């Protein structure tokens, strides 16, 4: 699937997002999506839908602790998304580049 992307590789139109697109993007960056990855993507999408913005790390961790496990921390997220957890998760979730990420 070919979709329009911004200069950072994020979808320009979220309606073009689908699971297979996310898997392709992740694989192109060396990440094989697991259930843990999908839990993070789901949380990022929920926060974006509720706030209209991508979440900062602390808010993402707080939601994941409520929804998934109270042991989740930033190290957990960096193991899943080594380059930048919030940016990579937002990208694979079909969301814009986080404003708070350089």
PDB file of N, CA and C in Angstrom:
ATOM      1  N   UNK A   1       0.836  -1.182   0.000  1.00  0.00           N
ATOM      2  CA  UNK A   1       0.000   0.000   0.000  1.00  0.00           C
ATOM      3  C   UNK A   1       0.882   1.247   0.000  1.00  0.00           C
ATOM      4  N   UNK A   2       0.648   2.135  -0.925  1.00  0.00           N
ATOM      5  CA  UNK A   2       1.401   3.381  -1.044  1.00  0.00           C
ATOM      6  C   UNK A   2       0.535   4.502  -0.474  1.00  0.00           C
ATOM      7  N   UNK A   3       1.061   5.183   0.530  1.00  0.00           N
ATOM      8  CA  UNK A   3       0.316   6.261   1.171  1.00  0.00           C
ATOM      9  C   UNK A   3       1.162   7.525   1.178  1.00  0.00           C
ATOM     10  N   UNK A   4       0.492   8.672   1.230  1.00  0.00           N
ATOM     11  CA  UNK A   4       1.188   9.958   1.282  1.00  0.00           C
ATOM     12  C   UNK A   4       1.754  10.166   2.684  1.00  0.00           C
ATOM     13  N   UNK A   5       3.056  10.492   2.741  1.00  0.00           N
ATOM     14  CA  UNK A   5       3.751  10.669   4.014  1.00  0.00           C
ATOM     15  C   UNK A   5       4.333  12.069   4.107  1.00  0.00           C
ATOM     16  N   UNK A   6       4.535  12.541   5.331  1.00  0.00           N
ATOM     17  CA  UNK A   6       5.233  13.809   5.525  1.00  0.00           C
ATOM     18  C   UNK A   6       6.740  13.561   5.470  1.00  0.00           C
ATOM     19  N   UNK A   7       7.559  14.596   5.703  1.00  0.00           N
ATOM     20  CA  UNK A   7       9.016  14.431   5.607  1.00  0.00           C
ATOM     21  C   UNK A   7       9.586  13.492   6.660  1.00  0.00           C
ATOM     22  N   UNK A   8       8.822  13.191   7.702  1.00  0.00           N
ATOM     23  CA  UNK A   8       9.304  12.314   8.776  1.00  0.00           C
ATOM     24  C   UNK A   8       8.759  10.891   8.648  1.00  0.00           C
ATOM     25  N   UNK A   9       7.999  10.617   7.572  1.00  0.00           N
ATOM     26  CA  UNK A   9       7.473   9.280   7.340  1.00  0.00           C
ATOM     27  C   UNK A   9       6.139   8.996   8.000  1.00  0.00           C
ATOM     28  N   UNK A  10       5.477  10.031   8.509  1.00  0.00           N
ATOM     29  CA  UNK A  10       4.165   9.858   9.130  1.00  0.00           C
ATOM     30  C   UNK A  10       3.075  10.048   8.074  1.00  0.00           C
ATOM     31  N   UNK A  11       1.986   9.308   8.226  1.00  0.00           N
ATOM     32  CA  UNK A  11       0.875   9.433   7.292  1.00  0.00           C
ATOM     33  C   UNK A  11       0.333  10.854   7.288  1.00  0.00           C
ATOM     34  N   UNK A  12       0.018  11.352   6.105  1.00  0.00           N
ATOM     35  CA  UNK A  12      -0.640  12.652   6.007  1.00  0.00           C
ATOM     36  C   UNK A  12      -2.136  12.524   6.259  1.00  0.00           C
ATOM     37  N   UNK A  13      -2.684  11.355   5.950  1.00  0.00           N
ATOM     38  CA  UNK A  13      -4.113  11.125   6.107  1.00  0.00           C
ATOM     39  C   UNK A  13      -4.319   9.859   6.940  1.00  0.00           C
ATOM     40  N   UNK A  14      -4.752  10.022   8.161  1.00  0.00           N
ATOM     41  CA  UNK A  14      -4.904   8.876   9.074  1.00  0.00           C
ATOM     42  C   UNK A  14      -5.884   7.829   8.553  1.00  0.00           C
ATOM     43  N   UNK A  15      -6.830   8.226   7.726  1.00  0.00           N
ATOM     44  CA  UNK A  15      -7.810   7.252   7.223  1.00  0.00           C
ATOM     45  C   UNK A  15      -7.152   6.202   6.326  1.00  0.00           C
ATOM     46  N   UNK A  16      -5.922   6.466   5.891  1.00  0.00           N
ATOM     47  CA  UNK A  16      -5.203   5.486   5.075  1.00  0.00           C
ATOM     48  C   UNK A  16      -4.499   4.429   5.930  1.00  0.00           C
ATOM     49  N   UNK A  17      -4.535   4.604   7.258  1.00  0.00           N
ATOM     50  CA  UNK A  17      -3.865   3.678   8.157  1.00  0.00           C
ATOM     51  C   UNK A  17      -4.584   2.332   8.198  1.00  0.00           C
ATOM     52  N   UNK A  18      -3.813   1.263   8.243  1.00  0.00           N
ATOM     53  CA  UNK A  18      -4.340  -0.072   8.492  1.00  0.00           C
ATOM     54  C   UNK A  18      -3.220  -0.893   9.133  1.00  0.00           C
ATOM     55  N   UNK A  19      -3.582  -2.004   9.682  1.00  0.00           N
ATOM     56  CA  UNK A  19      -2.622  -2.831  10.398  1.00  0.00           C
ATOM     57  C   UNK A  19      -1.483  -3.289   9.491  1.00  0.00           C
ATOM     58  N   UNK A  20      -1.794  -3.657   8.273  1.00  0.00           N
ATOM     59  CA  UNK A  20      -0.731  -4.141   7.381  1.00  0.00           C
ATOM     60  C   UNK A  20       0.240  -3.010   7.027  1.00  0.00           C
ATOM     61  N   UNK A  21      -0.255  -1.784   6.906  1.00  0.00           N
ATOM     62  CA  UNK A  21       0.633  -0.641   6.660  1.00  0.00           C
ATOM     63  C   UNK A  21       1.594  -0.473   7.836  1.00  0.00           C
ATOM     64  N   UNK A  22       1.055  -0.547   9.053  1.00  0.00           N
ATOM     65  CA  UNK A  22       1.882  -0.411  10.256  1.00  0.00           C
ATOM     66  C   UNK A  22       2.952  -1.496  10.306  1.00  0.00           C
ATOM     67  N   UNK A  23       2.570  -2.711   9.983  1.00  0.00           N
ATOM     68  CA  UNK A  23       3.533  -3.817   9.981  1.00  0.00           C
ATOM     69  C   UNK A  23       4.639  -3.587   8.958  1.00  0.00           C
ATOM     70  N   UNK A  24       4.276  -3.108   7.772  1.00  0.00           N
ATOM     71  CA  UNK A  24       5.266  -2.826   6.732  1.00  0.00           C
ATOM     72  C   UNK A  24       6.225  -1.728   7.171  1.00  0.00           C
ATOM     73  N   UNK A  25       5.697  -0.650   7.754  1.00  0.00           N
ATOM     74  CA  UNK A  25       6.539   0.451   8.212  1.00  0.00           C
ATOM     75  C   UNK A  25       7.506  -0.025   9.288  1.00  0.00           C
ATOM     76  N   UNK A  26       6.998  -0.797  10.230  1.00  0.00           N
ATOM     77  CA  UNK A  26       7.843  -1.298  11.315  1.00  0.00           C
ATOM     78  C   UNK A  26       8.928  -2.220  10.768  1.00  0.00           C
ATOM     79  N   UNK A  27       8.555  -3.128   9.894  1.00  0.00           N
ATOM     80  CA  UNK A  27       9.545  -4.045   9.313  1.00  0.00           C
ATOM     81  C   UNK A  27      10.618  -3.293   8.542  1.00  0.00           C
ATOM     82  N   UNK A  28      10.223  -2.226   7.861  1.00  0.00           N
ATOM     83  CA  UNK A  28      11.207  -1.442   7.100  1.00  0.00           C
ATOM     84  C   UNK A  28      12.235  -0.793   8.027  1.00  0.00           C
ATOM     85  N   UNK A  29      11.894  -0.673   9.313  1.00  0.00           N
ATOM     86  CA  UNK A  29      12.808  -0.104  10.302  1.00  0.00           C
ATOM     87  C   UNK A  29      13.348  -1.173  11.259  1.00  0.00           C
ATOM     88  N   UNK A  30      13.161  -2.450  10.872  1.00  0.00           N
ATOM     89  CA  UNK A  30      13.747  -3.543  11.635  1.00  0.00           C
ATOM     90  C   UNK A  30      12.960  -3.991  12.853  1.00  0.00           C
ATOM     91  N   UNK A  31      11.676  -3.638  12.910  1.00  0.00           N
ATOM     92  CA  UNK A  31      10.845  -4.022  14.058  1.00  0.00           C
ATOM     93  C   UNK A  31       9.760  -4.980  13.598  1.00  0.00           C
ATOM     94  N   UNK A  32       9.732  -6.143  14.230  1.00  0.00           N
ATOM     95  CA  UNK A  32       8.665  -7.114  13.966  1.00  0.00           C
ATOM     96  C   UNK A  32       7.605  -6.928  15.040  1.00  0.00           C
ATOM     97  N   UNK A  33       6.418  -6.568  14.622  1.00  0.00           N
ATOM     98  CA  UNK A  33       5.347  -6.216  15.560  1.00  0.00           C
ATOM     99  C   UNK A  33       4.872  -7.437  16.356  1.00  0.00           C
ATOM    100  N   UNK A  34       4.769  -7.235  17.667  1.00  0.00           N
ATOM    101  CA  UNK A  34       4.249  -8.259  18.581  1.00  0.00           C
ATOM    102  C   UNK A  34       2.988  -7.703  19.242  1.00  0.00           C
ATOM    103  N   UNK A  35       2.352  -8.520  20.058  1.00  0.00           N
ATOM    104  CA  UNK A  35       1.175  -8.048  20.792  1.00  0.00           C
ATOM    105  C   UNK A  35       1.535  -6.859  21.688  1.00  0.00           C
ATOM    106  N   UNK A  36       2.737  -6.850  22.239  1.00  0.00           N
ATOM    107  CA  UNK A  36       3.182  -5.723  23.061  1.00  0.00           C
ATOM    108  C   UNK A  36       3.229  -4.435  22.240  1.00  0.00           C
ATOM    109  N   UNK A  37       3.729  -4.524  21.017  1.00  0.00           N
ATOM    110  CA  UNK A  37       3.763  -3.349  20.138  1.00  0.00           C
ATOM    111  C   UNK A  37       2.341  -2.843  19.865  1.00  0.00           C
ATOM    112  N   UNK A  38       1.431  -3.777  19.577  1.00  0.00           N
ATOM    113  CA  UNK A  38       0.051  -3.383  19.256  1.00  0.00           C
ATOM    114  C   UNK A  38      -0.631  -2.738  20.457  1.00  0.00           C
ATOM    115  N   UNK A  39      -0.306  -3.180  21.659  1.00  0.00           N
ATOM    116  CA  UNK A  39      -0.876  -2.556  22.859  1.00  0.00           C
ATOM    117  C   UNK A  39      -0.453  -1.096  22.957  1.00  0.00           C
ATOM    118  N   UNK A  40       0.798  -0.835  22.644  1.00  0.00           N
ATOM    119  CA  UNK A  40       1.300   0.538  22.682  1.00  0.00           C
ATOM    120  C   UNK A  40       0.634   1.373  21.587  1.00  0.00           C
ATOM    121  N   UNK A  41       0.549   0.839  20.381  1.00  0.00           N
ATOM    122  CA  UNK A  41      -0.091   1.577  19.291  1.00  0.00           C
ATOM    123  C   UNK A  41      -1.538   1.902  19.633  1.00  0.00           C
ATOM    124  N   UNK A  42      -2.238   0.935  20.207  1.00  0.00           N
ATOM    125  CA  UNK A  42      -3.624   1.159  20.592  1.00  0.00           C
ATOM    126  C   UNK A  42      -3.719   2.291  21.620  1.00  0.00           C
ATOM    127  N   UNK A  43      -2.835   2.284  22.608  1.00  0.00           N
ATOM    128  CA  UNK A  43      -2.842   3.324  23.642  1.00  0.00           C
ATOM    129  C   UNK A  43      -2.553   4.695  23.031  1.00  0.00           C
ATOM    130  N   UNK A  44      -1.597   4.766  22.110  1.00  0.00           N
ATOM    131  CA  UNK A  44      -1.261   6.030  21.454  1.00  0.00           C
ATOM    132  C   UNK A  44      -2.466   6.557  20.668  1.00  0.00           C
ATOM    133  N   UNK A  45      -3.149   5.670  19.963  1.00  0.00           N
ATOM    134  CA  UNK A  45      -4.333   6.079  19.198  1.00  0.00           C
ATOM    135  C   UNK A  45      -5.452   6.567  20.116  1.00  0.00           C
ATOM    136  N   UNK A  46      -5.654   5.887  21.237  1.00  0.00           N
ATOM    137  CA  UNK A  46      -6.691   6.299  22.192  1.00  0.00           C
ATOM    138  C   UNK A  46      -6.394   7.703  22.726  1.00  0.00           C
ATOM    139  N   UNK A  47      -5.156   7.926  23.132  1.00  0.00           N
ATOM    140  CA  UNK A  47      -4.777   9.239  23.665  1.00  0.00           C
ATOM    141  C   UNK A  47      -4.957  10.316  22.593  1.00  0.00           C
ATOM    142  N   UNK A  48      -4.538  10.021  21.374  1.00  0.00           N
ATOM    143  CA  UNK A  48      -4.682  10.999  20.289  1.00  0.00           C
ATOM    144  C   UNK A  48      -6.164  11.310  20.047  1.00  0.00           C
ATOM    145  N   UNK A  49      -6.993  10.286  20.031  1.00  0.00           N
ATOM    146  CA  UNK A  49      -8.424  10.497  19.796  1.00  0.00           C
ATOM    147  C   UNK A  49      -9.066  11.326  20.908  1.00  0.00           C
ATOM    148  N   UNK A  50      -8.586  11.151  22.129  1.00  0.00           N
ATOM    149  CA  UNK A  50      -9.153  11.878  23.270  1.00  0.00           C
ATOM    150  C   UNK A  50      -8.621  13.295  23.392  1.00  0.00           C
ATOM    151  N   UNK A  51      -7.353  13.510  23.008  1.00  0.00           N
ATOM    152  CA  UNK A  51      -6.729  14.814  23.240  1.00  0.00           C
ATOM    153  C   UNK A  51      -6.431  15.597  21.960  1.00  0.00           C
ATOM    154  N   UNK A  52      -6.399  14.914  20.825  1.00  0.00           N
ATOM    155  CA  UNK A  52      -6.045  15.566  19.575  1.00  0.00           C
ATOM    156  C   UNK A  52      -4.553  15.756  19.399  1.00  0.00           C
ATOM    157  N   UNK A  53      -3.771  15.102  20.261  1.00  0.00           N
ATOM    158  CA  UNK A  53      -2.318  15.225  20.189  1.00  0.00           C
ATOM    159  C   UNK A  53      -1.679  13.883  20.551  1.00  0.00           C
ATOM    160  N   UNK A  54      -0.462  13.692  20.086  1.00  0.00           N
ATOM    161  CA  UNK A  54       0.263  12.486  20.469  1.00  0.00           C
ATOM    162  C   UNK A  54       0.724  12.630  21.917  1.00  0.00           C
ATOM    163  N   UNK A  55       0.776  11.532  22.645  1.00  0.00           N
ATOM    164  CA  UNK A  55       1.058  11.633  24.079  1.00  0.00           C
ATOM    165  C   UNK A  55       2.527  11.820  24.405  1.00  0.00           C
ATOM    166  N   UNK A  56       2.802  12.570  25.449  1.00  0.00           N
ATOM    167  CA  UNK A  56       4.173  12.567  25.963  1.00  0.00           C
ATOM    168  C   UNK A  56       4.430  11.213  26.637  1.00  0.00           C
ATOM    169  N   UNK A  57       5.679  10.878  26.826  1.00  0.00           N
ATOM    170  CA  UNK A  57       6.071   9.574  27.375  1.00  0.00           C
ATOM    171  C   UNK A  57       5.349   9.262  28.688  1.00  0.00           C
ATOM    172  N   UNK A  58       5.307  10.204  29.615  1.00  0.00           N
ATOM    173  CA  UNK A  58       4.700   9.933  30.926  1.00  0.00           C
ATOM    174  C   UNK A  58       3.223   9.564  30.819  1.00  0.00           C
ATOM    175  N   UNK A  59       2.487  10.262  29.974  1.00  0.00           N
ATOM    176  CA  UNK A  59       1.066   9.959  29.807  1.00  0.00           C
ATOM    177  C   UNK A  59       0.878   8.583  29.172  1.00  0.00           C
ATOM    178  N   UNK A  60       1.713   8.263  28.199  1.00  0.00           N
ATOM    179  CA  UNK A  60       1.652   6.950  27.557  1.00  0.00           C
ATOM    180  C   UNK A  60       1.924   5.843  28.572  1.00  0.00           C
ATOM    181  N   UNK A  61       2.939   6.016  29.389  1.00  0.00           N
ATOM    182  CA  UNK A  61       3.258   5.010  30.412  1.00  0.00           C
ATOM    183  C   UNK A  61       2.105   4.870  31.397  1.00  0.00           C
ATOM    184  N   UNK A  62       1.521   5.984  31.802  1.00  0.00           N
ATOM    185  CA  UNK A  62       0.403   5.947  32.744  1.00  0.00           C
ATOM    186  C   UNK A  62      -0.770   5.144  32.177  1.00  0.00           C
ATOM    187  N   UNK A  63      -1.122   5.394  30.920  1.00  0.00           N
ATOM    188  CA  UNK A  63      -2.228   4.662  30.300  1.00  0.00           C
ATOM    189  C   UNK A  63      -1.890   3.185  30.152  1.00  0.00           C
ATOM    190  N   UNK A  64      -0.672   2.872  29.738  1.00  0.00           N
ATOM    191  CA  UNK A  64      -0.275   1.472  29.584  1.00  0.00           C
ATOM    192  C   UNK A  64      -0.278   0.742  30.926  1.00  0.00           C
ATOM    193  N   UNK A  65       0.113   1.426  31.978  1.00  0.00           N
ATOM    194  CA  UNK A  65       0.076   0.805  33.306  1.00  0.00           C
ATOM    195  C   UNK A  65      -1.355   0.492  33.711  1.00  0.00           C
ATOM    196  N   UNK A  66      -2.294   1.338  33.321  1.00  0.00           N
ATOM    197  CA  UNK A  66      -3.702   1.095  33.644  1.00  0.00           C
ATOM    198  C   UNK A  66      -4.293  -0.020  32.788  1.00  0.00           C
ATOM    199  N   UNK A  67      -3.913  -0.064  31.514  1.00  0.00           N
ATOM    200  CA  UNK A  67      -4.527  -0.999  30.572  1.00  0.00           C
ATOM    201  C   UNK A  67      -3.820  -2.335  30.440  1.00  0.00           C
ATOM    202  N   UNK A  68      -2.500  -2.338  30.617  1.00  0.00           N
ATOM    203  CA  UNK A  68      -1.727  -3.541  30.308  1.00  0.00           C
ATOM    204  C   UNK A  68      -1.069  -4.145  31.545  1.00  0.00           C
ATOM    205  N   UNK A  69      -0.168  -3.380  32.158  1.00  0.00           N
ATOM    206  CA  UNK A  69       0.572  -3.888  33.312  1.00  0.00           C
ATOM    207  C   UNK A  69       1.154  -2.720  34.098  1.00  0.00           C
ATOM    208  N   UNK A  70       1.100  -2.828  35.411  1.00  0.00           N
ATOM    209  CA  UNK A  70       1.630  -1.738  36.234  1.00  0.00           C
ATOM    210  C   UNK A  70       3.155  -1.745  36.307  1.00  0.00           C
ATOM    211  N   UNK A  71       3.787  -2.669  35.608  1.00  0.00           N
ATOM    212  CA  UNK A  71       5.253  -2.727  35.599  1.00  0.00           C
ATOM    213  C   UNK A  71       5.866  -2.011  34.396  1.00  0.00           C
ATOM    214  N   UNK A  72       5.045  -1.476  33.516  1.00  0.00           N
ATOM    215  CA  UNK A  72       5.559  -0.819  32.314  1.00  0.00           C
ATOM    216  C   UNK A  72       6.272   0.473  32.688  1.00  0.00           C
ATOM    217  N   UNK A  73       7.449   0.658  32.066  1.00  0.00           N
ATOM    218  CA  UNK A  73       8.223   1.879  32.278  1.00  0.00           C
ATOM    219  C   UNK A  73       8.875   2.281  30.949  1.00  0.00           C
ATOM    220  N   UNK A  74       9.685   3.324  30.973  1.00  0.00           N
ATOM    221  CA  UNK A  74      10.304   3.806  29.737  1.00  0.00           C
ATOM    222  C   UNK A  74      11.267   2.775  29.146  1.00  0.00           C
ATOM    223  N   UNK A  75      11.949   1.997  29.987  1.00  0.00           N
ATOM    224  CA  UNK A  75      12.858   0.964  29.459  1.00  0.00           C
ATOM    225  C   UNK A  75      12.087  -0.058  28.625  1.00  0.00           C
ATOM    226  N   UNK A  76      10.903  -0.425  29.095  1.00  0.00           N
ATOM    227  CA  UNK A  76      10.033  -1.350  28.357  1.00  0.00           C
ATOM    228  C   UNK A  76       9.728  -0.774  26.972  1.00  0.00           C
ATOM    229  N   UNK A  77       9.365   0.508  26.927  1.00  0.00           N
ATOM    230  CA  UNK A  77       9.022   1.134  25.648  1.00  0.00           C
ATOM    231  C   UNK A  77      10.230   1.225  24.722  1.00  0.00           C
ATOM    232  N   UNK A  78      11.399   1.511  25.287  1.00  0.00           N
ATOM    233  CA  UNK A  78      12.604   1.578  24.453  1.00  0.00           C
ATOM    234  C   UNK A  78      13.012   0.201  23.926  1.00  0.00           C
ATOM    235  N   UNK A  79      12.684  -0.858  24.630  1.00  0.00           N
ATOM    236  CA  UNK A  79      12.960  -2.202  24.097  1.00  0.00           C
ATOM    237  C   UNK A  79      12.072  -2.474  22.879  1.00  0.00           C
ATOM    238  N   UNK A  80      10.844  -1.975  22.907  1.00  0.00           N
ATOM    239  CA  UNK A  80       9.927  -2.178  21.782  1.00  0.00           C
ATOM    240  C   UNK A  80      10.244  -1.245  20.614  1.00  0.00           C
ATOM    241  N   UNK A  81      10.509   0.013  20.942  1.00  0.00           N
ATOM    242  CA  UNK A  81      10.734   1.052  19.939  1.00  0.00           C
ATOM    243  C   UNK A  81      12.049   1.775  20.272  1.00  0.00           C
ATOM    244  N   UNK A  82      13.181   1.206  19.859  1.00  0.00           N
ATOM    245  CA  UNK A  82      14.487   1.679  20.318  1.00  0.00           C
ATOM    246  C   UNK A  82      14.888   3.092  19.880  1.00  0.00           C
ATOM    247  N   UNK A  83      14.394   3.570  18.765  1.00  0.00           N
ATOM    248  CA  UNK A  83      14.830   4.888  18.296  1.00  0.00           C
ATOM    249  C   UNK A  83      14.187   6.033  19.072  1.00  0.00           C
ATOM    250  N   UNK A  84      12.905   5.928  19.338  1.00  0.00           N
ATOM    251  CA  UNK A  84      12.160   6.933  20.099  1.00  0.00           C
ATOM    252  C   UNK A  84      10.748   6.373  20.263  1.00  0.00           C
ATOM    253  N   UNK A  85      10.399   5.838  21.421  1.00  0.00           N
ATOM    254  CA  UNK A  85       9.123   5.146  21.586  1.00  0.00           C
ATOM    255  C   UNK A  85       7.892   5.937  21.158  1.00  0.00           C
ATOM    256  N   UNK A  86       7.785   7.177  21.588  1.00  0.00           N
ATOM    257  CA  UNK A  86       6.582   7.937  21.251  1.00  0.00           C
ATOM    258  C   UNK A  86       6.546   8.249  19.755  1.00  0.00           C
ATOM    259  N   UNK A  87       7.679   8.635  19.203  1.00  0.00           N
ATOM    260  CA  UNK A  87       7.700   8.967  17.774  1.00  0.00           C
ATOM    261  C   UNK A  87       7.422   7.733  16.916  1.00  0.00           C
ATOM    262  N   UNK A  88       8.104   6.630  17.212  1.00  0.00           N
ATOM    263  CA  UNK A  88       7.899   5.427  16.402  1.00  0.00           C
ATOM    264  C   UNK A  88       6.482   4.884  16.573  1.00  0.00           C
ATOM    265  N   UNK A  89       5.985   4.843  17.790  1.00  0.00           N
ATOM    266  CA  UNK A  89       4.622   4.339  18.011  1.00  0.00           C
ATOM    267  C   UNK A  89       3.603   5.224  17.303  1.00  0.00           C
ATOM    268  N   UNK A  90       3.796   6.524  17.357  1.00  0.00           N
ATOM    269  CA  UNK A  90       2.885   7.450  16.672  1.00  0.00           C
ATOM    270  C   UNK A  90       2.924   7.224  15.168  1.00  0.00           C
ATOM    271  N   UNK A  91       4.118   7.035  14.659  1.00  0.00           N
ATOM    272  CA  UNK A  91       4.284   6.807  13.220  1.00  0.00           C
ATOM    273  C   UNK A  91       3.548   5.540  12.790  1.00  0.00           C
ATOM    274  N   UNK A  92       3.801   4.445  13.491  1.00  0.00           N
ATOM    275  CA  UNK A  92       3.165   3.176  13.118  1.00  0.00           C
ATOM    276  C   UNK A  92       1.662   3.185  13.386  1.00  0.00           C
ATOM    277  N   UNK A  93       1.209   4.062  14.276  1.00  0.00           N
ATOM    278  CA  UNK A  93      -0.221   4.173  14.583  1.00  0.00           C
ATOM    279  C   UNK A  93      -0.945   5.077  13.591  1.00  0.00           C
ATOM    280  N   UNK A  94      -0.203   5.638  12.638  1.00  0.00           N
ATOM    281  CA  UNK A  94      -0.817   6.475  11.619  1.00  0.00           C
ATOM    282  C   UNK A  94      -1.064   7.903  12.073  1.00  0.00           C
ATOM    283  N   UNK A  95      -0.349   8.337  13.102  1.00  0.00           N
ATOM    284  CA  UNK A  95      -0.555   9.660  13.681  1.00  0.00           C
ATOM    285  C   UNK A  95       0.553  10.618  13.261  1.00  0.00           C
ATOM    286  N   UNK A  96       0.305  11.938  13.402  1.00  0.00           N
ATOM    287  CA  UNK A  96       1.345  12.905  13.047  1.00  0.00           C
ATOM    288  C   UNK A  96       2.556  12.801  13.967  1.00  0.00           C
ATOM    289  N   UNK A  97       3.660  13.357  13.505  1.00  0.00           N
ATOM    290  CA  UNK A  97       4.873  13.411  14.331  1.00  0.00           C
ATOM    291  C   UNK A  97       4.545  14.200  15.598  1.00  0.00           C
ATOM    292  N   UNK A  98       4.925  13.656  16.755  1.00  0.00           N
ATOM    293  CA  UNK A  98       4.652  14.367  18.007  1.00  0.00           C
ATOM    294  C   UNK A  98       5.313  15.747  18.019  1.00  0.00           C
ATOM    295  N   UNK A  99       4.582  16.744  18.476  1.00  0.00           N
ATOM    296  CA  UNK A  99       5.101  18.116  18.530  1.00  0.00           C
ATOM    297  C   UNK A  99       6.272  18.223  19.495  1.00  0.00           C
ATOM    298  N   UNK A 100       6.268  17.388  20.519  1.00  0.00           N
ATOM    299  CA  UNK A 100       7.302  17.468  21.539  1.00  0.00           C
ATOM    300  C   UNK A 100       8.553  16.659  21.205  1.00  0.00           C
ATOM    301  N   UNK A 101       8.587  16.021  20.029  1.00  0.00           N
ATOM    302  CA  UNK A 101       9.769  15.273  19.588  1.00  0.00           C
ATOM    303  C   UNK A 101      10.524  16.098  18.560  1.00  0.00           C
ATOM    304  N   UNK A 102      11.824  16.116  18.689  1.00  0.00           N
ATOM    305  CA  UNK A 102      12.663  16.879  17.751  1.00  0.00           C
ATOM    306  C   UNK A 102      12.709  16.180  16.417  1.00  0.00           C
TER     307      UNK A 102
END
